[in-house]
Structures are given as structure tokens and as C-alpha cells.
């Protein structure tokens, strides 16, 4: 009975993958790899790229951009605080 249950689970999972479009997408990627005239040295990276995963370079650039934007945000917040203090000081003089 447990064998039948396992087979049922496998069939349900297969149907889920088909319904979600996973089977079609993987098939397209593998066909694309098969049809490549010069096979890539790293098939996994090829598959990741075809599925839209960011490359390591993209991730590193995004991290660097994020760090720079955080630094700029911190500087702007300091400027805002300084301008608010200056405004309060000017208002107090009046």
C-alpha cells in the first residue's frame, strides 16, 4: 500500500509541475542547450541564465550599488538634520 501511495504522490507532483509550466520551461531550456552549436563549459550557469537567474557579476554589482545608495541616504539624512537645526535656529531668532 505504501508503494501505491508513493506512486500517487509522484504522479500528483508531476501533474503539479506540468500545470505550473515547469516541465515546459525546463524542456525549452534543455532543448536550447542541446541546440547550442558550441556547448558551454558550465551547463548549470547556462541553465540559470536561461531561467533568468542573475549572474554572480550582477549580484556583486547590485550589492555594491546597494551599499553606495545606503551611504548616500545616510549623508542626505545628516544634511536634513543639519538644515532642520538651522531652520529652528533662524525661527528662534525671530
PDB file of N, CA and C in Angstrom:
ATOM      1  N   UNK A   1       0.819  -1.203   0.000  1.00  0.00           N
ATOM      2  CA  UNK A   1       0.000   0.000   0.000  1.00  0.00           C
ATOM      3  C   UNK A   1       0.863   1.268   0.000  1.00  0.00           C
ATOM      4  N   UNK A   2       1.990   1.234   0.714  1.00  0.00           N
ATOM      5  CA  UNK A   2       2.841   2.419   0.733  1.00  0.00           C
ATOM      6  C   UNK A   2       3.466   2.680  -0.635  1.00  0.00           C
ATOM      7  N   UNK A   3       3.687   1.627  -1.445  1.00  0.00           N
ATOM      8  CA  UNK A   3       4.220   1.810  -2.791  1.00  0.00           C
ATOM      9  C   UNK A   3       3.210   2.568  -3.634  1.00  0.00           C
ATOM     10  N   UNK A   4       1.951   2.217  -3.507  1.00  0.00           N
ATOM     11  CA  UNK A   4       0.903   2.910  -4.263  1.00  0.00           C
ATOM     12  C   UNK A   4       0.819   4.371  -3.822  1.00  0.00           C
ATOM     13  N   UNK A   5       0.941   4.617  -2.547  1.00  0.00           N
ATOM     14  CA  UNK A   5       0.899   5.978  -2.036  1.00  0.00           C
ATOM     15  C   UNK A   5       2.080   6.784  -2.582  1.00  0.00           C
ATOM     16  N   UNK A   6       3.244   6.184  -2.622  1.00  0.00           N
ATOM     17  CA  UNK A   6       4.418   6.856  -3.165  1.00  0.00           C
ATOM     18  C   UNK A   6       4.216   7.154  -4.641  1.00  0.00           C
ATOM     19  N   UNK A   7       3.689   6.200  -5.378  1.00  0.00           N
ATOM     20  CA  UNK A   7       3.424   6.403  -6.804  1.00  0.00           C
ATOM     21  C   UNK A   7       2.382   7.497  -7.014  1.00  0.00           C
ATOM     22  N   UNK A   8       1.379   7.528  -6.154  1.00  0.00           N
ATOM     23  CA  UNK A   8       0.357   8.574  -6.259  1.00  0.00           C
ATOM     24  C   UNK A   8       0.974   9.950  -6.004  1.00  0.00           C
ATOM     25  N   UNK A   9       1.840  10.022  -5.006  1.00  0.00           N
ATOM     26  CA  UNK A   9       2.496  11.293  -4.698  1.00  0.00           C
ATOM     27  C   UNK A   9       3.363  11.755  -5.866  1.00  0.00           C
ATOM     28  N   UNK A  10       4.084  10.815  -6.471  1.00  0.00           N
ATOM     29  CA  UNK A  10       4.912  11.160  -7.631  1.00  0.00           C
ATOM     30  C   UNK A  10       4.045  11.682  -8.770  1.00  0.00           C
ATOM     31  N   UNK A  11       2.928  11.019  -9.017  1.00  0.00           N
ATOM     32  CA  UNK A  11       2.033  11.431 -10.098  1.00  0.00           C
ATOM     33  C   UNK A  11       1.426  12.806  -9.812  1.00  0.00           C
ATOM     34  N   UNK A  12       1.028  13.044  -8.575  1.00  0.00           N
ATOM     35  CA  UNK A  12       0.486  14.355  -8.202  1.00  0.00           C
ATOM     36  C   UNK A  12       1.537  15.447  -8.390  1.00  0.00           C
ATOM     37  N   UNK A  13       2.758  15.159  -8.015  1.00  0.00           N
ATOM     38  CA  UNK A  13       3.839  16.136  -8.164  1.00  0.00           C
ATOM     39  C   UNK A  13       4.118  16.405  -9.638  1.00  0.00           C
ATOM     40  N   UNK A  14       4.130  15.353 -10.451  1.00  0.00           N
ATOM     41  CA  UNK A  14       4.340  15.510 -11.888  1.00  0.00           C
ATOM     42  C   UNK A  14       3.248  16.388 -12.490  1.00  0.00           C
ATOM     43  N   UNK A  15       2.005  16.148 -12.096  1.00  0.00           N
ATOM     44  CA  UNK A  15       0.887  16.965 -12.597  1.00  0.00           C
ATOM     45  C   UNK A  15       1.040  18.421 -12.151  1.00  0.00           C
ATOM     46  N   UNK A  16       1.473  18.612 -10.925  1.00  0.00           N
ATOM     47  CA  UNK A  16       1.703  19.961 -10.408  1.00  0.00           C
ATOM     48  C   UNK A  16       2.756  20.681 -11.245  1.00  0.00           C
ATOM     49  N   UNK A  17       3.872  19.997 -11.526  1.00  0.00           N
ATOM     50  CA  UNK A  17       4.940  20.600 -12.329  1.00  0.00           C
ATOM     51  C   UNK A  17       4.457  20.943 -13.733  1.00  0.00           C
ATOM     52  N   UNK A  18       3.650  20.065 -14.312  1.00  0.00           N
ATOM     53  CA  UNK A  18       3.105  20.337 -15.645  1.00  0.00           C
ATOM     54  C   UNK A  18       2.159  21.531 -15.607  1.00  0.00           C
ATOM     55  N   UNK A  19       1.277  21.549 -14.632  1.00  0.00           N
ATOM     56  CA  UNK A  19       0.292  22.631 -14.532  1.00  0.00           C
ATOM     57  C   UNK A  19       0.972  23.982 -14.295  1.00  0.00           C
ATOM     58  N   UNK A  20       2.041  23.981 -13.529  1.00  0.00           N
ATOM     59  CA  UNK A  20       2.754  25.220 -13.206  1.00  0.00           C
ATOM     60  C   UNK A  20       3.665  25.679 -14.348  1.00  0.00           C
ATOM     61  N   UNK A  21       3.802  24.870 -15.379  1.00  0.00           N
ATOM     62  CA  UNK A  21       4.634  25.248 -16.518  1.00  0.00           C
ATOM     63  C   UNK A  21       6.107  24.928 -16.351  1.00  0.00           C
ATOM     64  N   UNK A  22       6.441  24.252 -15.279  1.00  0.00           N
ATOM     65  CA  UNK A  22       7.843  23.940 -15.004  1.00  0.00           C
ATOM     66  C   UNK A  22       8.395  22.967 -16.043  1.00  0.00           C
ATOM     67  N   UNK A  23       7.613  21.953 -16.378  1.00  0.00           N
ATOM     68  CA  UNK A  23       8.066  20.950 -17.343  1.00  0.00           C
ATOM     69  C   UNK A  23       8.348  21.608 -18.691  1.00  0.00           C
ATOM     70  N   UNK A  24       7.428  22.456 -19.147  1.00  0.00           N
ATOM     71  CA  UNK A  24       7.624  23.141 -20.432  1.00  0.00           C
ATOM     72  C   UNK A  24       8.867  24.020 -20.408  1.00  0.00           C
ATOM     73  N   UNK A  25       9.043  24.780 -19.341  1.00  0.00           N
ATOM     74  CA  UNK A  25      10.190  25.689 -19.259  1.00  0.00           C
ATOM     75  C   UNK A  25      11.504  24.925 -19.232  1.00  0.00           C
ATOM     76  N   UNK A  26      11.563  23.865 -18.436  1.00  0.00           N
ATOM     77  CA  UNK A  26      12.790  23.063 -18.383  1.00  0.00           C
ATOM     78  C   UNK A  26      13.073  22.404 -19.729  1.00  0.00           C
ATOM     79  N   UNK A  27      12.023  21.950 -20.391  1.00  0.00           N
ATOM     80  CA  UNK A  27      12.192  21.348 -21.712  1.00  0.00           C
ATOM     81  C   UNK A  27      12.773  22.355 -22.692  1.00  0.00           C
ATOM     82  N   UNK A  28      12.242  23.582 -22.683  1.00  0.00           N
ATOM     83  CA  UNK A  28      12.752  24.624 -23.579  1.00  0.00           C
ATOM     84  C   UNK A  28      14.226  24.912 -23.304  1.00  0.00           C
ATOM     85  N   UNK A  29      14.588  24.997 -22.039  1.00  0.00           N
ATOM     86  CA  UNK A  29      15.979  25.286 -21.676  1.00  0.00           C
ATOM     87  C   UNK A  29      16.897  24.149 -22.117  1.00  0.00           C
ATOM     88  N   UNK A  30      16.471  22.915 -21.872  1.00  0.00           N
ATOM     89  CA  UNK A  30      17.309  21.775 -22.247  1.00  0.00           C
ATOM     90  C   UNK A  30      17.425  21.641 -23.764  1.00  0.00           C
ATOM     91  N   UNK A  31      16.351  21.930 -24.481  1.00  0.00           N
ATOM     92  CA  UNK A  31      16.415  21.920 -25.946  1.00  0.00           C
ATOM     93  C   UNK A  31      17.374  23.013 -26.420  1.00  0.00           C
ATOM     94  N   UNK A  32      17.296  24.185 -25.789  1.00  0.00           N
ATOM     95  CA  UNK A  32      18.215  25.266 -26.129  1.00  0.00           C
ATOM     96  C   UNK A  32      19.662  24.867 -25.915  1.00  0.00           C
ATOM     97  N   UNK A  33      19.932  24.183 -24.820  1.00  0.00           N
ATOM     98  CA  UNK A  33      21.287  23.698 -24.543  1.00  0.00           C
ATOM     99  C   UNK A  33      21.705  22.671 -25.591  1.00  0.00           C
ATOM    100  N   UNK A  34      20.797  21.784 -25.933  1.00  0.00           N
ATOM    101  CA  UNK A  34      21.076  20.757 -26.941  1.00  0.00           C
ATOM    102  C   UNK A  34      21.391  21.391 -28.293  1.00  0.00           C
ATOM    103  N   UNK A  35      20.684  22.463 -28.632  1.00  0.00           N
ATOM    104  CA  UNK A  35      20.835  23.102 -29.938  1.00  0.00           C
ATOM    105  C   UNK A  35      22.010  24.079 -30.003  1.00  0.00           C
ATOM    106  N   UNK A  36      22.647  24.350 -28.886  1.00  0.00           N
ATOM    107  CA  UNK A  36      23.814  25.238 -28.886  1.00  0.00           C
ATOM    108  C   UNK A  36      24.911  24.621 -29.749  1.00  0.00           C
ATOM    109  N   UNK A  37      25.406  25.362 -30.746  1.00  0.00           N
ATOM    110  CA  UNK A  37      26.468  24.804 -31.587  1.00  0.00           C
ATOM    111  C   UNK A  37      27.748  24.545 -30.793  1.00  0.00           C
ATOM    112  N   UNK A  38      28.092  25.470 -29.904  1.00  0.00           N
ATOM    113  CA  UNK A  38      29.243  25.268 -29.025  1.00  0.00           C
ATOM    114  C   UNK A  38      28.721  25.134 -27.607  1.00  0.00           C
ATOM    115  N   UNK A  39      28.846  23.953 -27.067  1.00  0.00           N
ATOM    116  CA  UNK A  39      28.324  23.694 -25.727  1.00  0.00           C
ATOM    117  C   UNK A  39      29.082  24.544 -24.707  1.00  0.00           C
ATOM    118  N   UNK A  40      28.341  25.175 -23.791  1.00  0.00           N
ATOM    119  CA  UNK A  40      29.004  25.993 -22.768  1.00  0.00           C
ATOM    120  C   UNK A  40      29.827  25.116 -21.829  1.00  0.00           C
ATOM    121  N   UNK A  41      30.883  25.692 -21.294  1.00  0.00           N
ATOM    122  CA  UNK A  41      31.735  24.936 -20.371  1.00  0.00           C
ATOM    123  C   UNK A  41      31.018  24.664 -19.054  1.00  0.00           C
ATOM    124  N   UNK A  42      30.073  25.530 -18.702  1.00  0.00           N
ATOM    125  CA  UNK A  42      29.326  25.359 -17.457  1.00  0.00           C
ATOM    126  C   UNK A  42      27.833  25.291 -17.782  1.00  0.00           C
ATOM    127  N   UNK A  43      27.323  24.080 -17.886  1.00  0.00           N
ATOM    128  CA  UNK A  43      25.920  23.883 -18.263  1.00  0.00           C
ATOM    129  C   UNK A  43      24.965  24.450 -17.212  1.00  0.00           C
ATOM    130  N   UNK A  44      25.341  24.363 -15.954  1.00  0.00           N
ATOM    131  CA  UNK A  44      24.477  24.883 -14.882  1.00  0.00           C
ATOM    132  C   UNK A  44      24.306  26.386 -15.030  1.00  0.00           C
ATOM    133  N   UNK A  45      25.396  27.106 -15.298  1.00  0.00           N
ATOM    134  CA  UNK A  45      25.303  28.558 -15.493  1.00  0.00           C
ATOM    135  C   UNK A  45      24.441  28.886 -16.707  1.00  0.00           C
ATOM    136  N   UNK A  46      24.558  28.089 -17.757  1.00  0.00           N
ATOM    137  CA  UNK A  46      23.731  28.278 -18.950  1.00  0.00           C
ATOM    138  C   UNK A  46      22.255  28.151 -18.588  1.00  0.00           C
ATOM    139  N   UNK A  47      21.925  27.119 -17.824  1.00  0.00           N
ATOM    140  CA  UNK A  47      20.534  26.886 -17.425  1.00  0.00           C
ATOM    141  C   UNK A  47      20.043  28.017 -16.529  1.00  0.00           C
ATOM    142  N   UNK A  48      20.865  28.433 -15.576  1.00  0.00           N
ATOM    143  CA  UNK A  48      20.484  29.545 -14.697  1.00  0.00           C
ATOM    144  C   UNK A  48      20.203  30.803 -15.508  1.00  0.00           C
ATOM    145  N   UNK A  49      21.091  31.082 -16.470  1.00  0.00           N
ATOM    146  CA  UNK A  49      20.929  32.274 -17.303  1.00  0.00           C
ATOM    147  C   UNK A  49      19.626  32.204 -18.094  1.00  0.00           C
ATOM    148  N   UNK A  50      19.339  31.043 -18.664  1.00  0.00           N
ATOM    149  CA  UNK A  50      18.111  30.880 -19.452  1.00  0.00           C
ATOM    150  C   UNK A  50      16.858  31.017 -18.589  1.00  0.00           C
ATOM    151  N   UNK A  51      16.963  30.622 -17.338  1.00  0.00           N
ATOM    152  CA  UNK A  51      15.814  30.718 -16.433  1.00  0.00           C
ATOM    153  C   UNK A  51      15.705  32.094 -15.795  1.00  0.00           C
ATOM    154  N   UNK A  52      16.683  32.957 -16.069  1.00  0.00           N
ATOM    155  CA  UNK A  52      16.593  34.330 -15.586  1.00  0.00           C
ATOM    156  C   UNK A  52      17.273  34.596 -14.266  1.00  0.00           C
ATOM    157  N   UNK A  53      18.063  33.659 -13.783  1.00  0.00           N
ATOM    158  CA  UNK A  53      18.778  33.888 -12.529  1.00  0.00           C
ATOM    159  C   UNK A  53      19.887  34.906 -12.769  1.00  0.00           C
ATOM    160  N   UNK A  54      20.090  35.823 -11.832  1.00  0.00           N
ATOM    161  CA  UNK A  54      21.163  36.806 -12.017  1.00  0.00           C
ATOM    162  C   UNK A  54      22.525  36.120 -11.950  1.00  0.00           C
ATOM    163  N   UNK A  55      23.456  36.622 -12.710  1.00  0.00           N
ATOM    164  CA  UNK A  55      24.809  36.063 -12.663  1.00  0.00           C
ATOM    165  C   UNK A  55      25.504  36.557 -11.398  1.00  0.00           C
ATOM    166  N   UNK A  56      26.627  35.932 -11.079  1.00  0.00           N
ATOM    167  CA  UNK A  56      27.392  36.358  -9.902  1.00  0.00           C
ATOM    168  C   UNK A  56      27.822  37.811 -10.044  1.00  0.00           C
ATOM    169  N   UNK A  57      28.165  38.211 -11.271  1.00  0.00           N
ATOM    170  CA  UNK A  57      28.569  39.595 -11.523  1.00  0.00           C
ATOM    171  C   UNK A  57      27.418  40.544 -11.224  1.00  0.00           C
ATOM    172  N   UNK A  58      26.212  40.174 -11.668  1.00  0.00           N
ATOM    173  CA  UNK A  58      25.036  41.005 -11.410  1.00  0.00           C
ATOM    174  C   UNK A  58      24.808  41.164  -9.909  1.00  0.00           C
ATOM    175  N   UNK A  59      24.928  40.081  -9.180  1.00  0.00           N
ATOM    176  CA  UNK A  59      24.698  40.112  -7.737  1.00  0.00           C
ATOM    177  C   UNK A  59      25.729  41.013  -7.060  1.00  0.00           C
ATOM    178  N   UNK A  60      26.989  40.881  -7.442  1.00  0.00           N
ATOM    179  CA  UNK A  60      28.040  41.710  -6.845  1.00  0.00           C
ATOM    180  C   UNK A  60      27.812  43.184  -7.162  1.00  0.00           C
ATOM    181  N   UNK A  61      27.409  43.490  -8.390  1.00  0.00           N
ATOM    182  CA  UNK A  61      27.142  44.880  -8.770  1.00  0.00           C
ATOM    183  C   UNK A  61      25.961  45.428  -7.983  1.00  0.00           C
ATOM    184  N   UNK A  62      24.929  44.605  -7.816  1.00  0.00           N
ATOM    185  CA  UNK A  62      23.767  45.043  -7.040  1.00  0.00           C
ATOM    186  C   UNK A  62      24.144  45.307  -5.587  1.00  0.00           C
ATOM    187  N   UNK A  63      24.996  44.476  -5.022  1.00  0.00           N
ATOM    188  CA  UNK A  63      25.450  44.689  -3.644  1.00  0.00           C
ATOM    189  C   UNK A  63      26.227  45.999  -3.530  1.00  0.00           C
ATOM    190  N   UNK A  64      27.105  46.246  -4.501  1.00  0.00           N
ATOM    191  CA  UNK A  64      27.892  47.484  -4.486  1.00  0.00           C
ATOM    192  C   UNK A  64      26.978  48.696  -4.641  1.00  0.00           C
ATOM    193  N   UNK A  65      26.010  48.607  -5.553  1.00  0.00           N
ATOM    194  CA  UNK A  65      25.055  49.703  -5.743  1.00  0.00           C
ATOM    195  C   UNK A  65      24.258  49.953  -4.469  1.00  0.00           C
ATOM    196  N   UNK A  66      23.836  48.873  -3.833  1.00  0.00           N
ATOM    197  CA  UNK A  66      23.057  48.985  -2.606  1.00  0.00           C
ATOM    198  C   UNK A  66      23.873  49.678  -1.515  1.00  0.00           C
ATOM    199  N   UNK A  67      25.122  49.295  -1.383  1.00  0.00           N
ATOM    200  CA  UNK A  67      25.996  49.910  -0.374  1.00  0.00           C
ATOM    201  C   UNK A  67      26.167  51.408  -0.641  1.00  0.00           C
ATOM    202  N   UNK A  68      26.379  51.767  -1.907  1.00  0.00           N
ATOM    203  CA  UNK A  68      26.547  53.175  -2.272  1.00  0.00           C
ATOM    204  C   UNK A  68      25.266  53.965  -1.989  1.00  0.00           C
ATOM    205  N   UNK A  69      24.129  53.391  -2.317  1.00  0.00           N
ATOM    206  CA  UNK A  69      22.859  54.081  -2.068  1.00  0.00           C
ATOM    207  C   UNK A  69      22.599  54.258  -0.576  1.00  0.00           C
ATOM    208  N   UNK A  70      22.971  53.272   0.224  1.00  0.00           N
ATOM    209  CA  UNK A  70      22.820  53.402   1.678  1.00  0.00           C
ATOM    210  C   UNK A  70      23.714  54.525   2.216  1.00  0.00           C
ATOM    211  N   UNK A  71      24.934  54.608   1.677  1.00  0.00           N
ATOM    212  CA  UNK A  71      25.854  55.672   2.089  1.00  0.00           C
ATOM    213  C   UNK A  71      25.272  57.036   1.733  1.00  0.00           C
ATOM    214  N   UNK A  72      24.747  57.160   0.517  1.00  0.00           N
ATOM    215  CA  UNK A  72      24.146  58.420   0.086  1.00  0.00           C
ATOM    216  C   UNK A  72      22.929  58.771   0.946  1.00  0.00           C
ATOM    217  N   UNK A  73      22.137  57.772   1.276  1.00  0.00           N
ATOM    218  CA  UNK A  73      20.971  58.012   2.122  1.00  0.00           C
ATOM    219  C   UNK A  73      21.404  58.551   3.480  1.00  0.00           C
ATOM    220  N   UNK A  74      22.435  57.952   4.047  1.00  0.00           N
ATOM    221  CA  UNK A  74      22.931  58.388   5.350  1.00  0.00           C
ATOM    222  C   UNK A  74      23.400  59.845   5.284  1.00  0.00           C
ATOM    223  N   UNK A  75      24.115  60.195   4.216  1.00  0.00           N
ATOM    224  CA  UNK A  75      24.575  61.580   4.049  1.00  0.00           C
ATOM    225  C   UNK A  75      23.392  62.538   3.929  1.00  0.00           C
ATOM    226  N   UNK A  76      22.392  62.165   3.170  1.00  0.00           N
ATOM    227  CA  UNK A  76      21.211  63.023   2.995  1.00  0.00           C
ATOM    228  C   UNK A  76      20.469  63.210   4.315  1.00  0.00           C
ATOM    229  N   UNK A  77      20.378  62.140   5.098  1.00  0.00           N
ATOM    230  CA  UNK A  77      19.711  62.246   6.393  1.00  0.00           C
ATOM    231  C   UNK A  77      20.464  63.212   7.302  1.00  0.00           C
ATOM    232  N   UNK A  78      21.796  63.172   7.269  1.00  0.00           N
ATOM    233  CA  UNK A  78      22.591  64.105   8.070  1.00  0.00           C
ATOM    234  C   UNK A  78      22.368  65.541   7.606  1.00  0.00           C
ATOM    235  N   UNK A  79      22.291  65.757   6.288  1.00  0.00           N
ATOM    236  CA  UNK A  79      22.038  67.100   5.756  1.00  0.00           C
ATOM    237  C   UNK A  79      20.663  67.601   6.179  1.00  0.00           C
ATOM    238  N   UNK A  80      19.678  66.727   6.142  1.00  0.00           N
ATOM    239  CA  UNK A  80      18.320  67.111   6.553  1.00  0.00           C
ATOM    240  C   UNK A  80      18.326  67.544   8.013  1.00  0.00           C
ATOM    241  N   UNK A  81      18.984  66.760   8.861  1.00  0.00           N
ATOM    242  CA  UNK A  81      19.053  67.108  10.280  1.00  0.00           C
ATOM    243  C   UNK A  81      19.730  68.462  10.475  1.00  0.00           C
ATOM    244  N   UNK A  82      20.815  68.705   9.755  1.00  0.00           N
ATOM    245  CA  UNK A  82      21.531  69.981   9.878  1.00  0.00           C
ATOM    246  C   UNK A  82      20.651  71.137   9.415  1.00  0.00           C
ATOM    247  N   UNK A  83      19.938  70.953   8.318  1.00  0.00           N
ATOM    248  CA  UNK A  83      19.054  72.011   7.811  1.00  0.00           C
ATOM    249  C   UNK A  83      17.885  72.262   8.760  1.00  0.00           C
ATOM    250  N   UNK A  84      17.376  71.207   9.380  1.00  0.00           N
ATOM    251  CA  UNK A  84      16.290  71.386  10.344  1.00  0.00           C
ATOM    252  C   UNK A  84      16.781  72.167  11.562  1.00  0.00           C
ATOM    253  N   UNK A  85      17.984  71.860  12.031  1.00  0.00           N
ATOM    254  CA  UNK A  85      18.543  72.606  13.158  1.00  0.00           C
ATOM    255  C   UNK A  85      18.738  74.069  12.776  1.00  0.00           C
ATOM    256  N   UNK A  86      19.248  74.305  11.578  1.00  0.00           N
ATOM    257  CA  UNK A  86      19.468  75.667  11.102  1.00  0.00           C
ATOM    258  C   UNK A  86      18.141  76.422  11.002  1.00  0.00           C
ATOM    259  N   UNK A  87      17.117  75.767  10.512  1.00  0.00           N
ATOM    260  CA  UNK A  87      15.799  76.386  10.392  1.00  0.00           C
ATOM    261  C   UNK A  87      15.241  76.724  11.775  1.00  0.00           C
ATOM    262  N   UNK A  88      15.374  75.805  12.712  1.00  0.00           N
ATOM    263  CA  UNK A  88      14.905  76.063  14.072  1.00  0.00           C
ATOM    264  C   UNK A  88      15.663  77.235  14.688  1.00  0.00           C
ATOM    265  N   UNK A  89      16.940  77.299  14.446  1.00  0.00           N
ATOM    266  CA  UNK A  89      17.765  78.392  14.964  1.00  0.00           C
ATOM    267  C   UNK A  89      17.302  79.730  14.380  1.00  0.00           C
ATOM    268  N   UNK A  90      17.035  79.778  13.080  1.00  0.00           N
ATOM    269  CA  UNK A  90      16.567  81.007  12.425  1.00  0.00           C
ATOM    270  C   UNK A  90      15.192  81.411  12.945  1.00  0.00           C
ATOM    271  N   UNK A  91      14.334  80.441  13.171  1.00  0.00           N
ATOM    272  CA  UNK A  91      12.992  80.743  13.690  1.00  0.00           C
ATOM    273  C   UNK A  91      13.080  81.294  15.114  1.00  0.00           C
ATOM    274  N   UNK A  92      14.012  80.753  15.886  1.00  0.00           N
ATOM    275  CA  UNK A  92      14.165  81.199  17.272  1.00  0.00           C
ATOM    276  C   UNK A  92      14.681  82.634  17.334  1.00  0.00           C
ATOM    277  N   UNK A  93      15.437  83.064  16.332  1.00  0.00           N
ATOM    278  CA  UNK A  93      15.969  84.423  16.292  1.00  0.00           C
ATOM    279  C   UNK A  93      14.866  85.446  16.015  1.00  0.00           C
ATOM    280  N   UNK A  94      13.791  85.032  15.394  1.00  0.00           N
ATOM    281  CA  UNK A  94      12.739  85.987  15.018  1.00  0.00           C
ATOM    282  C   UNK A  94      11.817  86.274  16.149  1.00  0.00           C
TER     283      UNK A  94
END
